[in-house]
Amino acid sequence: MEKINIFAHMQEMETQLEGMRNTLADWKQTVKELMEANQQLSLENEQLRRILKREAPLEVEQRLAETQTQLPSGEGQGEVVGEGYDNLARLYHEGFHICNVYFGHLRTEGDCLFCLSFLNK
């Protein structure tokens, strides 16, 4: 009778170990996903810092120029569309997606056909 209890106890321990192994596998997958996301965000952050350092002095000059030459309402609306397009093109060339599928994500695999088709419209 004692041998049956030992066997049942061993089987129970085996079940618990299997459950812990599955939990550990889930945790490993979660950690892997978090590390990948962290790496991607670090790359984006680094690129944005470089862009910010490069454009910060230009932004101050642009704001000064805008305040000095403000157009009355209704005029210059064609310029706004062109300016928006230029901003999107600049973002694309800096390595970010501008398409509706991956907007704002870092382009890591070269050109994006969605973005290019959007720019060609």
N, C-alpha and C. Protein backbone atom coordinates (compact mmCIF):
# COMPACT_ATOMS: atom_id res chain seq x y z
N MET A 1 0.82 -1.18 0.00
CA MET A 1 0.00 0.00 0.00
C MET A 1 0.87 1.26 0.00
N GLU A 2 1.97 1.18 0.67
CA GLU A 2 2.87 2.32 0.74
C GLU A 2 3.49 2.63 -0.63
N LYS A 3 3.74 1.60 -1.43
CA LYS A 3 4.32 1.80 -2.76
C LYS A 3 3.35 2.56 -3.66
N ILE A 4 2.07 2.30 -3.52
CA ILE A 4 1.07 3.01 -4.32
C ILE A 4 1.05 4.48 -3.96
N ASN A 5 1.17 4.80 -2.70
CA ASN A 5 1.20 6.20 -2.27
C ASN A 5 2.43 6.91 -2.82
N ILE A 6 3.56 6.23 -2.82
CA ILE A 6 4.79 6.84 -3.36
C ILE A 6 4.63 7.11 -4.85
N PHE A 7 4.06 6.13 -5.57
CA PHE A 7 3.86 6.30 -7.00
C PHE A 7 2.89 7.45 -7.28
N ALA A 8 1.81 7.55 -6.53
CA ALA A 8 0.85 8.64 -6.69
C ALA A 8 1.51 9.97 -6.37
N HIS A 9 2.33 10.00 -5.34
CA HIS A 9 3.04 11.22 -4.96
C HIS A 9 4.01 11.63 -6.07
N MET A 10 4.74 10.67 -6.64
CA MET A 10 5.67 10.97 -7.73
C MET A 10 4.92 11.51 -8.96
N GLN A 11 3.77 10.94 -9.24
CA GLN A 11 2.98 11.39 -10.37
C GLN A 11 2.46 12.82 -10.13
N GLU A 12 2.06 13.11 -8.91
CA GLU A 12 1.61 14.46 -8.57
C GLU A 12 2.75 15.46 -8.72
N MET A 13 3.95 15.09 -8.27
CA MET A 13 5.12 15.97 -8.41
C MET A 13 5.45 16.18 -9.89
N GLU A 14 5.32 15.14 -10.69
CA GLU A 14 5.59 15.26 -12.12
C GLU A 14 4.60 16.23 -12.78
N THR A 15 3.35 16.17 -12.39
CA THR A 15 2.33 17.09 -12.90
C THR A 15 2.65 18.53 -12.50
N GLN A 16 3.07 18.72 -11.26
CA GLN A 16 3.42 20.06 -10.80
C GLN A 16 4.64 20.59 -11.56
N LEU A 17 5.64 19.73 -11.79
CA LEU A 17 6.83 20.15 -12.53
C LEU A 17 6.47 20.53 -13.97
N GLU A 18 5.58 19.78 -14.58
CA GLU A 18 5.14 20.10 -15.93
C GLU A 18 4.43 21.46 -15.96
N GLY A 19 3.60 21.72 -14.97
CA GLY A 19 2.93 23.01 -14.87
C GLY A 19 3.92 24.15 -14.69
N MET A 20 4.92 23.94 -13.86
CA MET A 20 5.95 24.97 -13.65
C MET A 20 6.76 25.19 -14.92
N ARG A 21 7.04 24.09 -15.66
CA ARG A 21 7.79 24.22 -16.91
C ARG A 21 6.99 25.03 -17.92
N ASN A 22 5.69 24.79 -18.00
CA ASN A 22 4.84 25.56 -18.92
C ASN A 22 4.80 27.03 -18.52
N THR A 23 4.70 27.29 -17.23
CA THR A 23 4.70 28.67 -16.75
C THR A 23 6.02 29.36 -17.07
N LEU A 24 7.11 28.65 -16.88
CA LEU A 24 8.44 29.20 -17.19
C LEU A 24 8.56 29.49 -18.68
N ALA A 25 8.04 28.61 -19.52
CA ALA A 25 8.08 28.84 -20.97
C ALA A 25 7.27 30.08 -21.33
N ASP A 26 6.12 30.27 -20.71
CA ASP A 26 5.31 31.47 -20.96
C ASP A 26 6.06 32.73 -20.54
N TRP A 27 6.70 32.68 -19.40
CA TRP A 27 7.46 33.83 -18.91
C TRP A 27 8.62 34.15 -19.85
N LYS A 28 9.30 33.11 -20.32
CA LYS A 28 10.41 33.32 -21.24
C LYS A 28 9.93 34.00 -22.52
N GLN A 29 8.78 33.58 -23.03
CA GLN A 29 8.23 34.19 -24.24
C GLN A 29 7.87 35.65 -23.99
N THR A 30 7.28 35.93 -22.83
CA THR A 30 6.91 37.30 -22.49
C THR A 30 8.16 38.18 -22.37
N VAL A 31 9.19 37.67 -21.72
CA VAL A 31 10.43 38.42 -21.57
C VAL A 31 11.06 38.67 -22.94
N LYS A 32 11.02 37.68 -23.81
CA LYS A 32 11.57 37.84 -25.16
C LYS A 32 10.83 38.94 -25.91
N GLU A 33 9.50 38.94 -25.85
CA GLU A 33 8.71 39.96 -26.53
C GLU A 33 9.00 41.35 -25.96
N LEU A 34 9.13 41.43 -24.63
CA LEU A 34 9.43 42.71 -24.00
C LEU A 34 10.81 43.22 -24.39
N MET A 35 11.78 42.33 -24.48
CA MET A 35 13.13 42.73 -24.87
C MET A 35 13.15 43.21 -26.32
N GLU A 36 12.40 42.54 -27.20
CA GLU A 36 12.34 42.98 -28.60
C GLU A 36 11.68 44.35 -28.70
N ALA A 37 10.60 44.55 -27.97
CA ALA A 37 9.92 45.85 -27.98
C ALA A 37 10.84 46.93 -27.41
N ASN A 38 11.56 46.61 -26.37
CA ASN A 38 12.49 47.56 -25.76
C ASN A 38 13.58 47.94 -26.75
N GLN A 39 14.11 46.96 -27.47
CA GLN A 39 15.16 47.24 -28.45
C GLN A 39 14.64 48.15 -29.56
N GLN A 40 13.44 47.86 -30.05
CA GLN A 40 12.86 48.69 -31.10
C GLN A 40 12.62 50.11 -30.61
N LEU A 41 12.09 50.24 -29.41
CA LEU A 41 11.86 51.58 -28.85
C LEU A 41 13.17 52.32 -28.61
N SER A 42 14.20 51.60 -28.20
CA SER A 42 15.50 52.24 -28.01
C SER A 42 16.04 52.78 -29.32
N LEU A 43 15.89 52.00 -30.40
CA LEU A 43 16.35 52.47 -31.71
C LEU A 43 15.57 53.70 -32.16
N GLU A 44 14.25 53.65 -31.99
CA GLU A 44 13.43 54.80 -32.37
C GLU A 44 13.79 56.02 -31.53
N ASN A 45 14.00 55.82 -30.24
CA ASN A 45 14.35 56.92 -29.34
C ASN A 45 15.68 57.54 -29.75
N GLU A 46 16.65 56.69 -30.06
CA GLU A 46 17.95 57.19 -30.48
C GLU A 46 17.85 58.00 -31.76
N GLN A 47 17.07 57.49 -32.72
CA GLN A 47 16.91 58.21 -33.97
C GLN A 47 16.19 59.53 -33.77
N LEU A 48 15.16 59.53 -32.93
CA LEU A 48 14.43 60.77 -32.66
C LEU A 48 15.31 61.79 -31.94
N ARG A 49 16.18 61.32 -31.05
CA ARG A 49 17.10 62.25 -30.38
C ARG A 49 18.04 62.91 -31.39
N ARG A 50 18.54 62.10 -32.35
CA ARG A 50 19.43 62.67 -33.37
C ARG A 50 18.68 63.70 -34.20
N ILE A 51 17.45 63.39 -34.56
CA ILE A 51 16.66 64.32 -35.36
C ILE A 51 16.37 65.59 -34.57
N LEU A 52 16.03 65.43 -33.30
CA LEU A 52 15.72 66.58 -32.46
C LEU A 52 16.94 67.48 -32.29
N LYS A 53 18.10 66.88 -32.07
CA LYS A 53 19.31 67.69 -31.93
C LYS A 53 19.63 68.44 -33.22
N ARG A 54 19.36 67.79 -34.35
CA ARG A 54 19.68 68.40 -35.64
C ARG A 54 18.69 69.51 -35.98
N GLU A 55 17.41 69.36 -35.59
CA GLU A 55 16.39 70.30 -36.02
C GLU A 55 16.00 71.33 -34.97
N ALA A 56 16.43 71.18 -33.74
CA ALA A 56 16.02 72.12 -32.70
C ALA A 56 16.40 73.57 -33.03
N PRO A 57 17.62 73.86 -33.47
CA PRO A 57 17.93 75.26 -33.81
C PRO A 57 17.11 75.76 -34.99
N LEU A 58 16.83 74.90 -35.96
CA LEU A 58 16.04 75.30 -37.12
C LEU A 58 14.60 75.60 -36.73
N GLU A 59 14.07 74.86 -35.77
CA GLU A 59 12.69 75.06 -35.34
C GLU A 59 12.50 76.45 -34.72
N VAL A 60 13.45 76.89 -33.95
CA VAL A 60 13.35 78.22 -33.33
C VAL A 60 13.33 79.29 -34.42
N GLU A 61 14.17 79.14 -35.43
CA GLU A 61 14.20 80.11 -36.52
C GLU A 61 12.89 80.09 -37.30
N GLN A 62 12.33 78.92 -37.52
CA GLN A 62 11.07 78.80 -38.25
C GLN A 62 9.93 79.46 -37.49
N ARG A 63 9.89 79.27 -36.19
CA ARG A 63 8.83 79.89 -35.39
C ARG A 63 8.92 81.41 -35.44
N LEU A 64 10.14 81.90 -35.38
CA LEU A 64 10.31 83.36 -35.49
C LEU A 64 9.83 83.85 -36.84
N ALA A 65 10.17 83.14 -37.90
CA ALA A 65 9.76 83.55 -39.25
C ALA A 65 8.25 83.47 -39.39
N GLU A 66 7.62 82.47 -38.80
CA GLU A 66 6.16 82.32 -38.89
C GLU A 66 5.44 83.46 -38.17
N THR A 67 5.94 83.86 -37.03
CA THR A 67 5.28 84.94 -36.29
C THR A 67 5.44 86.27 -37.01
N GLN A 68 6.53 86.44 -37.76
CA GLN A 68 6.74 87.69 -38.47
C GLN A 68 5.92 87.77 -39.75
N THR A 69 5.67 86.63 -40.39
CA THR A 69 4.96 86.63 -41.68
C THR A 69 3.72 85.76 -41.62
N GLN A 70 2.80 86.05 -40.71
CA GLN A 70 1.55 85.30 -40.64
C GLN A 70 0.60 85.80 -41.71
N LEU A 71 -0.05 84.84 -42.40
CA LEU A 71 -0.98 85.17 -43.46
C LEU A 71 -2.38 85.34 -42.89
N PRO A 72 -3.20 86.21 -43.47
CA PRO A 72 -4.60 86.30 -43.05
C PRO A 72 -5.31 84.98 -43.35
N SER A 73 -6.42 84.71 -42.65
CA SER A 73 -7.13 83.45 -42.84
C SER A 73 -7.63 83.33 -44.27
N GLY A 74 -7.54 82.11 -44.83
CA GLY A 74 -7.98 81.85 -46.19
C GLY A 74 -6.84 81.90 -47.19
N GLU A 75 -5.79 82.62 -46.91
CA GLU A 75 -4.66 82.69 -47.83
C GLU A 75 -3.64 81.64 -47.45
N GLY A 76 -2.94 81.14 -48.45
CA GLY A 76 -1.84 80.22 -48.18
C GLY A 76 -2.26 78.83 -47.82
N GLN A 77 -3.52 78.45 -48.08
CA GLN A 77 -3.93 77.11 -47.71
C GLN A 77 -3.27 76.07 -48.60
N GLY A 78 -2.93 76.41 -49.82
CA GLY A 78 -2.21 75.49 -50.69
C GLY A 78 -0.83 75.17 -50.12
N GLU A 79 -0.24 76.14 -49.44
CA GLU A 79 1.07 75.92 -48.83
C GLU A 79 0.99 74.91 -47.69
N VAL A 80 -0.11 74.89 -46.97
CA VAL A 80 -0.25 73.96 -45.85
C VAL A 80 -0.23 72.53 -46.35
N VAL A 81 -0.94 72.27 -47.47
CA VAL A 81 -0.95 70.92 -48.03
C VAL A 81 0.45 70.54 -48.47
N GLY A 82 1.15 71.44 -49.16
CA GLY A 82 2.51 71.17 -49.59
C GLY A 82 3.44 70.97 -48.41
N GLU A 83 3.24 71.74 -47.37
CA GLU A 83 4.07 71.61 -46.17
C GLU A 83 3.84 70.27 -45.50
N GLY A 84 2.58 69.83 -45.43
CA GLY A 84 2.28 68.52 -44.85
C GLY A 84 2.90 67.40 -45.64
N TYR A 85 2.82 67.50 -46.95
CA TYR A 85 3.43 66.48 -47.80
C TYR A 85 4.94 66.45 -47.59
N ASP A 86 5.55 67.64 -47.52
CA ASP A 86 6.99 67.72 -47.30
C ASP A 86 7.37 67.11 -45.95
N ASN A 87 6.56 67.35 -44.93
CA ASN A 87 6.83 66.77 -43.61
C ASN A 87 6.76 65.25 -43.66
N LEU A 88 5.75 64.72 -44.35
CA LEU A 88 5.63 63.27 -44.46
C LEU A 88 6.80 62.68 -45.24
N ALA A 89 7.19 63.35 -46.31
CA ALA A 89 8.33 62.88 -47.10
C ALA A 89 9.60 62.90 -46.25
N ARG A 90 9.76 63.96 -45.45
CA ARG A 90 10.94 64.04 -44.57
C ARG A 90 10.94 62.92 -43.56
N LEU A 91 9.77 62.65 -42.96
CA LEU A 91 9.68 61.54 -41.99
C LEU A 91 10.03 60.22 -42.64
N TYR A 92 9.54 60.01 -43.87
CA TYR A 92 9.83 58.76 -44.56
C TYR A 92 11.33 58.62 -44.80
N HIS A 93 11.96 59.69 -45.24
CA HIS A 93 13.40 59.64 -45.52
C HIS A 93 14.24 59.54 -44.25
N GLU A 94 13.66 59.88 -43.12
CA GLU A 94 14.36 59.73 -41.85
C GLU A 94 14.21 58.32 -41.29
N GLY A 95 13.41 57.49 -41.96
CA GLY A 95 13.33 56.10 -41.58
C GLY A 95 12.05 55.68 -40.89
N PHE A 96 10.99 56.47 -41.00
CA PHE A 96 9.72 56.13 -40.36
C PHE A 96 8.66 55.84 -41.42
N HIS A 97 7.72 54.97 -41.05
CA HIS A 97 6.59 54.68 -41.93
C HIS A 97 5.61 55.85 -41.90
N ILE A 98 5.04 56.16 -43.08
CA ILE A 98 4.00 57.19 -43.16
C ILE A 98 2.71 56.60 -43.70
N CYS A 99 2.69 55.31 -43.96
CA CYS A 99 1.49 54.65 -44.47
C CYS A 99 0.52 54.37 -43.31
N ASN A 100 -0.73 54.11 -43.69
CA ASN A 100 -1.73 53.87 -42.65
C ASN A 100 -1.55 52.51 -41.98
N VAL A 101 -0.74 51.63 -42.55
CA VAL A 101 -0.55 50.30 -41.99
C VAL A 101 0.42 50.33 -40.80
N TYR A 102 1.54 51.03 -40.95
CA TYR A 102 2.58 51.04 -39.91
C TYR A 102 2.97 52.46 -39.49
N PHE A 103 2.07 53.41 -39.59
CA PHE A 103 2.40 54.81 -39.38
C PHE A 103 3.18 55.03 -38.08
N GLY A 104 4.32 55.71 -38.20
CA GLY A 104 5.12 56.09 -37.05
C GLY A 104 6.13 55.05 -36.61
N HIS A 105 6.05 53.83 -37.13
CA HIS A 105 7.02 52.80 -36.74
C HIS A 105 8.31 52.99 -37.54
N LEU A 106 9.38 52.57 -36.96
CA LEU A 106 10.69 52.66 -37.58
C LEU A 106 10.77 51.67 -38.74
N ARG A 107 11.23 52.13 -39.91
CA ARG A 107 11.42 51.22 -41.04
C ARG A 107 12.76 50.53 -40.87
N THR A 108 12.74 49.22 -40.71
CA THR A 108 13.99 48.48 -40.49
C THR A 108 14.37 47.62 -41.68
N GLU A 109 13.45 47.43 -42.63
CA GLU A 109 13.71 46.51 -43.73
C GLU A 109 13.71 47.21 -45.08
N GLY A 110 14.17 48.42 -45.16
CA GLY A 110 14.23 49.13 -46.43
C GLY A 110 12.95 49.86 -46.75
N ASP A 111 12.68 50.01 -48.05
CA ASP A 111 11.52 50.78 -48.49
C ASP A 111 10.22 50.03 -48.25
N CYS A 112 9.17 50.78 -48.02
CA CYS A 112 7.82 50.24 -47.80
C CYS A 112 6.96 50.61 -49.01
N LEU A 113 6.37 49.61 -49.64
CA LEU A 113 5.56 49.87 -50.82
C LEU A 113 4.33 50.71 -50.51
N PHE A 114 3.75 50.52 -49.33
CA PHE A 114 2.59 51.31 -48.94
C PHE A 114 2.96 52.79 -48.82
N CYS A 115 4.09 53.03 -48.17
CA CYS A 115 4.54 54.43 -48.00
C CYS A 115 4.87 55.06 -49.36
N LEU A 116 5.55 54.31 -50.20
CA LEU A 116 5.92 54.84 -51.51
C LEU A 116 4.69 55.14 -52.36
N SER A 117 3.70 54.26 -52.31
CA SER A 117 2.48 54.53 -53.08
C SER A 117 1.76 55.76 -52.52
N PHE A 118 1.81 55.95 -51.21
CA PHE A 118 1.20 57.14 -50.61
C PHE A 118 1.92 58.40 -51.06
N LEU A 119 3.25 58.35 -51.11
CA LEU A 119 4.02 59.53 -51.54
C LEU A 119 3.80 59.85 -53.01
N ASN A 120 3.53 58.84 -53.82
CA ASN A 120 3.35 59.06 -55.26
C ASN A 120 1.95 59.55 -55.62
N LYS A 121 1.03 59.59 -54.67
CA LYS A 121 -0.34 60.07 -54.96
C LYS A 121 -0.35 61.55 -55.21
